[in-house]
Amino acid sequence: MDRQLDSLFNAGSRSQSAAALAAQRERFARLQAFAGRLRVALEHEAESRRRETVFTERAAAAVTAALVLLGLGAAFLVHGLGKRARDLALRLDEQALERERLLESERKSREAAEQRRVELERVTESRNRLLRGFTHDVKNPLGAADGYLALIEDEVMGPLPARVTETVSSIRRLIGQALELVGQLLDIARAEAGQLELTFHDVDVAVLLHDVAETYRPQADAKRLELRGEIPSHLPLVRSDATRVRQIVGNLVSNAVKYTPSGGQITVSCVARGDGGPPPSQPREVAIIVSDNGPDIAPDKLPTIFAEFSRFDPRAAEGAGIGLAISQRIARALGGDITVESETGRGSAFTLHLPLAAHAAKP
């Protein structure tokens, strides 16, 4: 009985053990399959992590290299900016020094110019005083000598031979020329000092020019020169100083007579000029032109032609060379001017510009 029970029990145990074993084997197989999948997942994750690590390392290396290059570039930039800043500072210092030198040079130039101006004023005033004193001291005895000669010429002291009378007349002409020169020197001194005496009133230029032409006609005839007058009959009156205008025109005609060769021609003309506006333009000035067909004036002498003691050709005629200088000063004192044009083969033309209205100005 017992043996039967044991055999039954053993048989049941073996059947249960086989079932449990089969179940365990199934679970183990599932575990193995899960473990295989887990291993594959872990390997995949590890590979992914490895790739990420490599990328991160490479990115870090690239960033590091970029930072190194950026640092080097920044260093070079800072070095370059520093060098430029130093160069700029040096240039600014040099410019500041140069500016100081220029300012100092300008200051010295102004001081020198002021000293020259003061010295020039002193010399000019000294010369003017000398001229005034000289002309006064010379004019009086020359005038007295001319007076005595006039008495002799008029035979107040008794009759004279014809040759003596001619000699006295020649001496009086020479004294007259000397007195005229003294008067011109005095006019220059007065003009430079702003003390030139002017009297403005209405001047009939046509009448004045006819008178001047007739005054110098004997001299022109003596040199066989043709002295022509081309003067319109209807010229506007000029508000000016007739005596001074006559003096200027007389100097211009006298120079033309001196320098024009025998057989030449001198023309005194006059024209009223407008203000340049549209017709009918109102006259603004009267231009008096004294022209000749004598030798032209060298271009290098034109800029100094109105300077004192300047002459066209010292060998051509006698004179001190101050007629044009005083003429221009007087013209400017009257508010006008004198201009000159000269052309080879056609002679020269001097133009006196006179404003219609009184317009006195400093010479």
Protein backbone atom coordinates (compact mmCIF):
# COMPACT_ATOMS: atom_id res chain seq x y z
CA MET A 1 0.00 0.00 0.00
CA ASP A 2 2.74 2.31 1.07
CA ARG A 3 4.76 1.41 -1.97
CA GLN A 4 1.82 2.19 -4.19
CA LEU A 5 1.38 5.58 -2.50
CA ASP A 6 5.08 6.37 -2.85
CA SER A 7 5.02 5.41 -6.49
CA LEU A 8 1.95 7.54 -7.04
CA PHE A 9 3.55 10.45 -5.17
CA ASN A 10 6.81 10.11 -7.06
CA ALA A 11 4.94 9.91 -10.34
CA GLY A 12 3.01 13.09 -9.48
CA SER A 13 6.13 14.88 -8.37
CA ARG A 14 7.91 14.08 -11.59
CA SER A 15 5.04 15.38 -13.69
CA GLN A 16 4.91 18.60 -11.66
CA SER A 17 8.66 19.04 -11.92
CA ALA A 18 8.58 18.69 -15.70
CA ALA A 19 5.87 21.30 -15.98
CA ALA A 20 7.72 23.67 -13.70
CA LEU A 21 10.88 23.08 -15.62
CA ALA A 22 9.16 23.81 -18.88
CA ALA A 23 7.73 26.99 -17.41
CA GLN A 24 11.11 27.98 -16.10
CA ARG A 25 12.65 27.29 -19.48
CA GLU A 26 10.01 29.48 -21.15
CA ARG A 27 10.65 32.26 -18.64
CA PHE A 28 14.37 31.87 -19.13
CA ALA A 29 13.94 32.07 -22.91
CA ARG A 30 11.89 35.19 -22.49
CA LEU A 31 14.53 36.57 -20.15
CA GLN A 32 17.22 35.77 -22.66
CA ALA A 33 15.23 37.44 -25.44
CA PHE A 34 14.69 40.51 -23.19
CA ALA A 35 18.33 40.50 -22.22
CA GLY A 36 19.27 40.35 -25.91
CA ARG A 37 17.02 43.25 -26.71
CA LEU A 38 18.35 45.12 -23.68
CA ARG A 39 21.90 44.41 -24.76
CA VAL A 40 21.15 45.69 -28.29
CA ALA A 41 19.45 48.79 -26.83
CA LEU A 42 22.37 49.36 -24.49
CA GLU A 43 24.85 48.94 -27.33
CA HIS A 44 22.82 51.34 -29.49
CA GLU A 45 22.63 53.83 -26.65
CA ALA A 46 26.34 53.45 -25.97
CA GLU A 47 27.11 54.03 -29.66
CA SER A 48 24.86 57.09 -29.66
CA ARG A 49 26.56 58.38 -26.52
CA ARG A 50 29.96 57.73 -28.07
CA ARG A 51 29.00 59.64 -31.22
CA GLU A 52 27.67 62.51 -29.14
CA THR A 53 30.87 62.50 -27.14
CA VAL A 54 32.97 62.61 -30.32
CA PHE A 55 30.81 65.44 -31.75
CA THR A 56 31.03 67.31 -28.46
CA GLU A 57 34.77 66.85 -28.36
CA ARG A 58 35.11 68.01 -31.97
CA ALA A 59 32.78 70.99 -31.35
CA ALA A 60 34.75 71.86 -28.24
CA ALA A 61 37.98 71.64 -30.23
CA ALA A 62 36.51 73.83 -32.99
CA VAL A 63 35.21 76.33 -30.46
CA THR A 64 38.56 76.29 -28.73
CA ALA A 65 40.36 76.86 -32.03
CA ALA A 66 37.93 79.65 -32.92
CA LEU A 67 38.44 81.25 -29.53
CA VAL A 68 42.20 80.95 -29.97
CA LEU A 69 41.99 82.57 -33.43
CA LEU A 70 39.62 85.23 -32.10
CA GLY A 71 42.02 85.88 -29.26
CA LEU A 72 44.94 86.16 -31.66
CA GLY A 73 42.90 88.46 -33.93
CA ALA A 74 41.88 90.56 -30.95
CA ALA A 75 45.50 90.72 -29.84
CA PHE A 76 46.64 91.84 -33.29
CA LEU A 77 43.77 94.34 -33.44
CA VAL A 78 44.59 95.74 -30.04
CA HIS A 79 48.24 95.94 -31.04
CA GLY A 80 47.35 97.70 -34.31
CA LEU A 81 44.98 100.10 -32.59
CA GLY A 82 47.57 100.83 -29.98
CA LYS A 83 50.18 101.53 -32.65
CA ARG A 84 47.75 103.76 -34.57
CA ALA A 85 46.85 105.55 -31.36
CA ARG A 86 50.54 106.13 -30.63
CA ASP A 87 51.16 107.30 -34.22
CA LEU A 88 48.14 109.59 -34.03
CA ALA A 89 49.31 110.99 -30.73
CA LEU A 90 52.75 111.63 -32.24
CA ARG A 91 51.20 113.34 -35.27
CA LEU A 92 48.98 115.42 -33.04
CA ASP A 93 52.00 116.43 -31.01
CA GLU A 94 53.89 117.28 -34.21
CA GLN A 95 50.92 119.26 -35.53
CA ALA A 96 50.61 121.07 -32.22
CA LEU A 97 54.30 121.94 -32.36
CA GLU A 98 53.97 123.01 -36.01
CA ARG A 99 50.93 125.12 -35.12
CA GLU A 100 52.90 126.74 -32.33
CA ARG A 101 55.75 127.41 -34.74
CA LEU A 102 53.35 128.88 -37.30
CA LEU A 103 51.68 131.05 -34.68
CA GLU A 104 55.06 132.22 -33.47
CA SER A 105 56.16 132.89 -37.06
CA GLU A 106 52.91 134.75 -37.74
CA ARG A 107 53.36 136.80 -34.59
CA LYS A 108 56.90 137.68 -35.60
CA SER A 109 55.73 138.50 -39.13
CA ARG A 110 53.02 140.80 -37.75
CA GLU A 111 55.54 142.47 -35.51
CA ALA A 112 57.95 142.87 -38.40
CA ALA A 113 55.17 144.18 -40.64
CA GLU A 114 54.10 146.62 -37.96
CA GLN A 115 57.69 147.76 -37.53
CA ARG A 116 58.01 148.20 -41.31
CA ARG A 117 54.73 150.11 -41.39
CA VAL A 118 55.84 152.41 -38.59
CA GLU A 119 59.23 152.85 -40.25
CA LEU A 120 57.58 153.51 -43.62
CA GLU A 121 55.27 156.08 -42.06
CA ARG A 122 58.25 157.69 -40.37
CA VAL A 123 60.26 157.74 -43.60
CA THR A 124 57.27 158.99 -45.59
CA GLU A 125 56.56 161.74 -43.10
CA SER A 126 60.26 162.66 -43.03
CA ARG A 127 60.32 162.77 -46.82
CA ASN A 128 57.15 164.83 -46.92
CA ARG A 129 58.59 167.29 -44.44
CA LEU A 130 61.76 167.43 -46.52
CA LEU A 131 59.77 167.99 -49.71
CA ARG A 132 57.62 170.68 -48.14
CA GLY A 133 60.65 172.43 -46.71
CA PHE A 134 62.66 172.03 -49.90
CA THR A 135 59.89 173.24 -52.18
CA HIS A 136 59.23 176.21 -49.94
CA ASP A 137 62.91 177.12 -49.71
CA VAL A 138 63.48 176.69 -53.46
CA LYS A 139 60.23 178.15 -54.74
CA ASN A 140 60.64 181.51 -53.06
CA PRO A 141 64.08 182.42 -54.48
CA LEU A 142 63.10 181.08 -57.91
CA GLY A 143 59.96 183.21 -57.84
CA ALA A 144 61.99 186.25 -56.80
CA ALA A 145 64.53 185.62 -59.59
CA ASP A 146 61.69 185.28 -62.11
CA GLY A 147 60.26 188.58 -60.88
CA TYR A 148 63.55 190.39 -61.35
CA LEU A 149 63.94 188.85 -64.80
CA ALA A 150 60.42 189.98 -65.67
CA LEU A 151 61.40 193.55 -64.80
CA ILE A 152 64.51 193.25 -66.94
CA GLU A 153 62.51 191.73 -69.80
CA ASP A 154 60.00 194.59 -69.61
CA GLU A 155 62.99 197.01 -69.86
CA VAL A 156 62.08 198.70 -66.60
CA MET A 157 65.78 199.13 -65.96
CA GLY A 158 66.49 200.36 -69.46
CA PRO A 159 66.45 199.08 -73.03
CA LEU A 160 68.15 195.76 -73.82
CA PRO A 161 69.68 194.31 -76.98
CA ALA A 162 67.55 191.71 -78.74
CA ARG A 163 69.95 188.88 -77.86
CA VAL A 164 69.80 189.79 -74.17
CA THR A 165 65.98 189.85 -74.28
CA GLU A 166 65.92 186.40 -75.87
CA THR A 167 68.34 185.11 -73.22
CA VAL A 168 66.20 186.53 -70.41
CA SER A 169 63.11 184.89 -71.93
CA SER A 170 64.93 181.55 -72.10
CA ILE A 171 66.00 181.89 -68.46
CA ARG A 172 62.42 182.67 -67.44
CA ARG A 173 61.16 179.57 -69.28
CA LEU A 174 63.69 177.43 -67.44
CA ILE A 175 62.71 178.97 -64.13
CA GLY A 176 59.06 178.33 -65.01
CA GLN A 177 59.85 174.66 -65.60
CA ALA A 178 61.68 174.49 -62.28
CA LEU A 179 58.73 176.14 -60.49
CA GLU A 180 56.36 173.66 -62.15
CA LEU A 181 58.53 170.75 -60.94
CA VAL A 182 58.60 172.20 -57.43
CA GLY A 183 54.82 172.53 -57.53
CA GLN A 184 54.45 168.89 -58.59
CA LEU A 185 56.71 167.73 -55.77
CA LEU A 186 54.62 169.73 -53.34
CA ASP A 187 51.43 168.20 -54.77
CA ILE A 188 52.87 164.68 -54.24
CA ALA A 189 53.68 165.48 -50.62
CA ARG A 190 50.19 166.93 -50.07
CA ALA A 191 48.51 163.99 -51.81
CA GLU A 192 50.36 161.44 -49.68
CA ALA A 193 49.45 163.38 -46.55
CA GLY A 194 45.79 163.61 -47.65
CA GLN A 195 46.03 167.40 -47.75
CA LEU A 196 45.54 167.97 -51.47
CA GLU A 197 43.34 171.02 -51.96
CA LEU A 198 40.27 170.31 -54.12
CA THR A 199 37.40 172.57 -55.09
CA PHE A 200 34.41 170.83 -56.68
CA HIS A 201 32.08 172.59 -59.07
CA ASP A 202 30.44 171.92 -62.44
CA VAL A 203 33.08 171.59 -65.16
CA ASP A 204 32.44 171.88 -68.90
CA VAL A 205 34.91 169.24 -70.07
CA ALA A 206 34.59 170.16 -73.77
CA VAL A 207 35.65 173.78 -73.16
CA LEU A 208 38.47 172.66 -70.83
CA LEU A 209 39.87 170.21 -73.40
CA HIS A 210 39.79 172.81 -76.19
CA ASP A 211 41.75 175.20 -73.94
CA VAL A 212 44.36 172.55 -73.07
CA ALA A 213 44.78 171.57 -76.74
CA GLU A 214 45.31 175.20 -77.75
CA THR A 215 47.81 175.67 -74.91
CA TYR A 216 50.04 172.84 -76.17
CA ARG A 217 49.48 173.43 -79.89
CA PRO A 218 52.60 175.66 -80.25
CA GLN A 219 54.78 172.91 -78.78
CA ALA A 220 53.21 170.37 -81.12
CA ASP A 221 53.67 172.62 -84.12
CA ALA A 222 57.31 173.17 -83.18
CA LYS A 223 57.86 169.38 -83.42
CA ARG A 224 55.68 169.14 -86.55
CA LEU A 225 53.11 167.08 -84.72
CA GLU A 226 49.43 167.01 -85.62
CA LEU A 227 47.38 167.74 -82.49
CA ARG A 228 43.75 166.78 -83.10
CA GLY A 229 40.71 167.24 -80.92
CA GLU A 230 37.78 164.83 -81.20
CA ILE A 231 35.52 166.33 -78.57
CA PRO A 232 31.71 166.01 -78.72
CA SER A 233 29.83 169.26 -78.32
CA HIS A 234 27.19 167.80 -76.00
CA LEU A 235 28.97 166.34 -73.00
CA PRO A 236 27.42 166.20 -69.53
CA LEU A 237 28.86 168.50 -66.89
CA VAL A 238 31.30 166.90 -64.49
CA ARG A 239 31.32 167.73 -60.80
CA SER A 240 35.06 168.04 -60.24
CA ASP A 241 37.99 170.42 -59.78
CA ALA A 242 38.65 172.17 -63.11
CA THR A 243 42.17 173.25 -62.16
CA ARG A 244 43.20 169.73 -61.23
CA VAL A 245 41.57 168.20 -64.32
CA ARG A 246 43.41 170.74 -66.47
CA GLN A 247 46.66 169.81 -64.69
CA ILE A 248 46.15 166.09 -65.38
CA VAL A 249 45.20 166.50 -69.05
CA GLY A 250 48.07 168.96 -69.50
CA ASN A 251 50.54 166.38 -68.15
CA LEU A 252 49.17 163.70 -70.48
CA VAL A 253 49.33 165.97 -73.56
CA SER A 254 52.79 167.24 -72.56
CA ASN A 255 54.09 163.65 -72.32
CA ALA A 256 52.57 162.82 -75.70
CA VAL A 257 54.33 165.82 -77.26
CA LYS A 258 57.64 164.86 -75.64
CA TYR A 259 57.67 161.22 -76.70
CA THR A 260 55.96 161.31 -80.12
CA PRO A 261 58.51 161.59 -82.93
CA SER A 262 58.35 164.46 -85.41
CA GLY A 263 55.58 164.02 -87.96
CA GLY A 264 53.42 161.99 -85.58
CA GLN A 265 49.87 162.52 -84.45
CA ILE A 266 48.28 163.20 -81.04
CA THR A 267 44.55 162.95 -80.46
CA VAL A 268 42.58 164.32 -77.52
CA SER A 269 39.12 162.75 -77.36
CA CYS A 270 36.33 162.41 -74.84
CA VAL A 271 33.30 160.16 -74.39
CA ALA A 272 30.53 159.79 -71.81
CA ARG A 273 30.23 156.20 -70.61
CA GLY A 274 27.22 154.54 -69.06
CA ASP A 275 26.82 152.27 -66.09
CA GLY A 276 26.72 149.11 -68.19
CA GLY A 277 22.96 148.67 -67.84
CA PRO A 278 20.44 148.09 -70.66
CA PRO A 279 19.80 150.97 -73.10
CA PRO A 280 19.18 153.77 -72.56
CA SER A 281 22.04 153.60 -70.09
CA GLN A 282 22.66 156.64 -67.91
CA PRO A 283 26.16 158.17 -68.15
CA ARG A 284 28.29 157.37 -65.15
CA GLU A 285 31.63 158.91 -66.10
CA VAL A 286 33.44 160.99 -68.67
CA ALA A 287 36.55 159.38 -70.16
CA ILE A 288 39.22 161.72 -71.53
CA ILE A 289 41.62 159.90 -73.87
CA VAL A 290 45.02 161.24 -74.95
CA SER A 291 46.46 158.93 -77.60
CA ASP A 292 49.46 159.08 -79.91
CA ASN A 293 51.04 157.00 -82.64
CA GLY A 294 54.52 157.21 -81.15
CA PRO A 295 56.61 154.33 -79.78
CA ASP A 296 54.78 151.83 -77.61
CA ILE A 297 55.57 151.35 -73.93
CA ALA A 298 57.44 148.14 -73.08
CA PRO A 299 55.18 145.63 -71.24
CA ASP A 300 57.68 145.35 -68.37
CA LYS A 301 57.39 149.10 -67.74
CA LEU A 302 53.59 149.27 -67.68
CA PRO A 303 53.27 148.10 -64.01
CA THR A 304 55.63 150.90 -62.85
CA ILE A 305 54.60 153.61 -65.27
CA PHE A 306 52.79 155.60 -62.56
CA ALA A 307 55.65 155.28 -60.04
CA GLU A 308 57.55 158.40 -59.07
CA PHE A 309 60.65 159.21 -61.15
CA SER A 310 59.73 156.51 -63.67
CA ARG A 311 60.21 157.46 -67.34
CA PHE A 312 59.36 155.76 -70.64
CA ASP A 313 62.74 156.35 -72.25
CA PRO A 314 65.18 158.75 -70.53
CA ARG A 315 66.96 159.28 -73.86
CA ALA A 316 63.82 160.33 -75.71
CA ALA A 317 62.90 163.45 -73.72
CA GLU A 318 63.83 165.47 -70.69
CA GLY A 319 61.84 165.35 -67.46
CA ALA A 320 61.87 164.22 -63.84
CA GLY A 321 59.35 161.40 -64.27
CA ILE A 322 56.80 162.57 -61.71
CA GLY A 323 54.07 163.95 -64.00
CA LEU A 324 52.17 160.66 -64.29
CA ALA A 325 52.66 159.87 -60.60
CA ILE A 326 51.06 163.12 -59.42
CA SER A 327 48.41 162.90 -62.18
CA GLN A 328 47.23 159.50 -60.97
CA ARG A 329 47.18 160.64 -57.35
CA ILE A 330 45.09 163.68 -58.26
CA ALA A 331 42.76 161.55 -60.42
CA ARG A 332 42.13 159.18 -57.52
CA ALA A 333 41.64 162.10 -55.17
CA LEU A 334 38.91 163.26 -57.56
CA GLY A 335 37.27 159.84 -57.33
CA GLY A 336 38.56 158.66 -60.73
CA ASP A 337 41.64 156.97 -62.13
CA ILE A 338 44.07 156.86 -65.06
CA THR A 339 44.56 153.77 -67.20
CA VAL A 340 46.97 153.12 -70.05
CA GLU A 341 46.95 150.92 -73.13
CA SER A 342 49.92 150.44 -75.43
CA GLU A 343 50.21 148.36 -78.57
CA THR A 344 53.22 147.78 -80.78
CA GLY A 345 52.98 149.85 -83.95
CA ARG A 346 49.96 151.84 -82.75
CA GLY A 347 51.36 153.92 -79.90
CA SER A 348 49.82 154.52 -76.49
CA ALA A 349 46.56 155.81 -75.08
CA PHE A 350 46.09 157.27 -71.59
CA THR A 351 42.52 157.52 -70.29
CA LEU A 352 41.41 159.79 -67.46
CA HIS A 353 38.20 158.48 -65.87
CA LEU A 354 36.15 161.19 -64.17
CA PRO A 355 32.89 160.39 -62.34
CA LEU A 356 30.01 162.73 -63.19
CA ALA A 357 29.12 163.21 -59.52
CA ALA A 358 31.54 164.68 -57.03
CA HIS A 359 33.23 161.76 -55.36
CA ALA A 360 36.39 162.80 -53.59
CA ALA A 361 38.55 159.98 -52.36
CA LYS A 362 41.82 159.56 -50.58
CA PRO A 363 44.75 159.38 -52.99
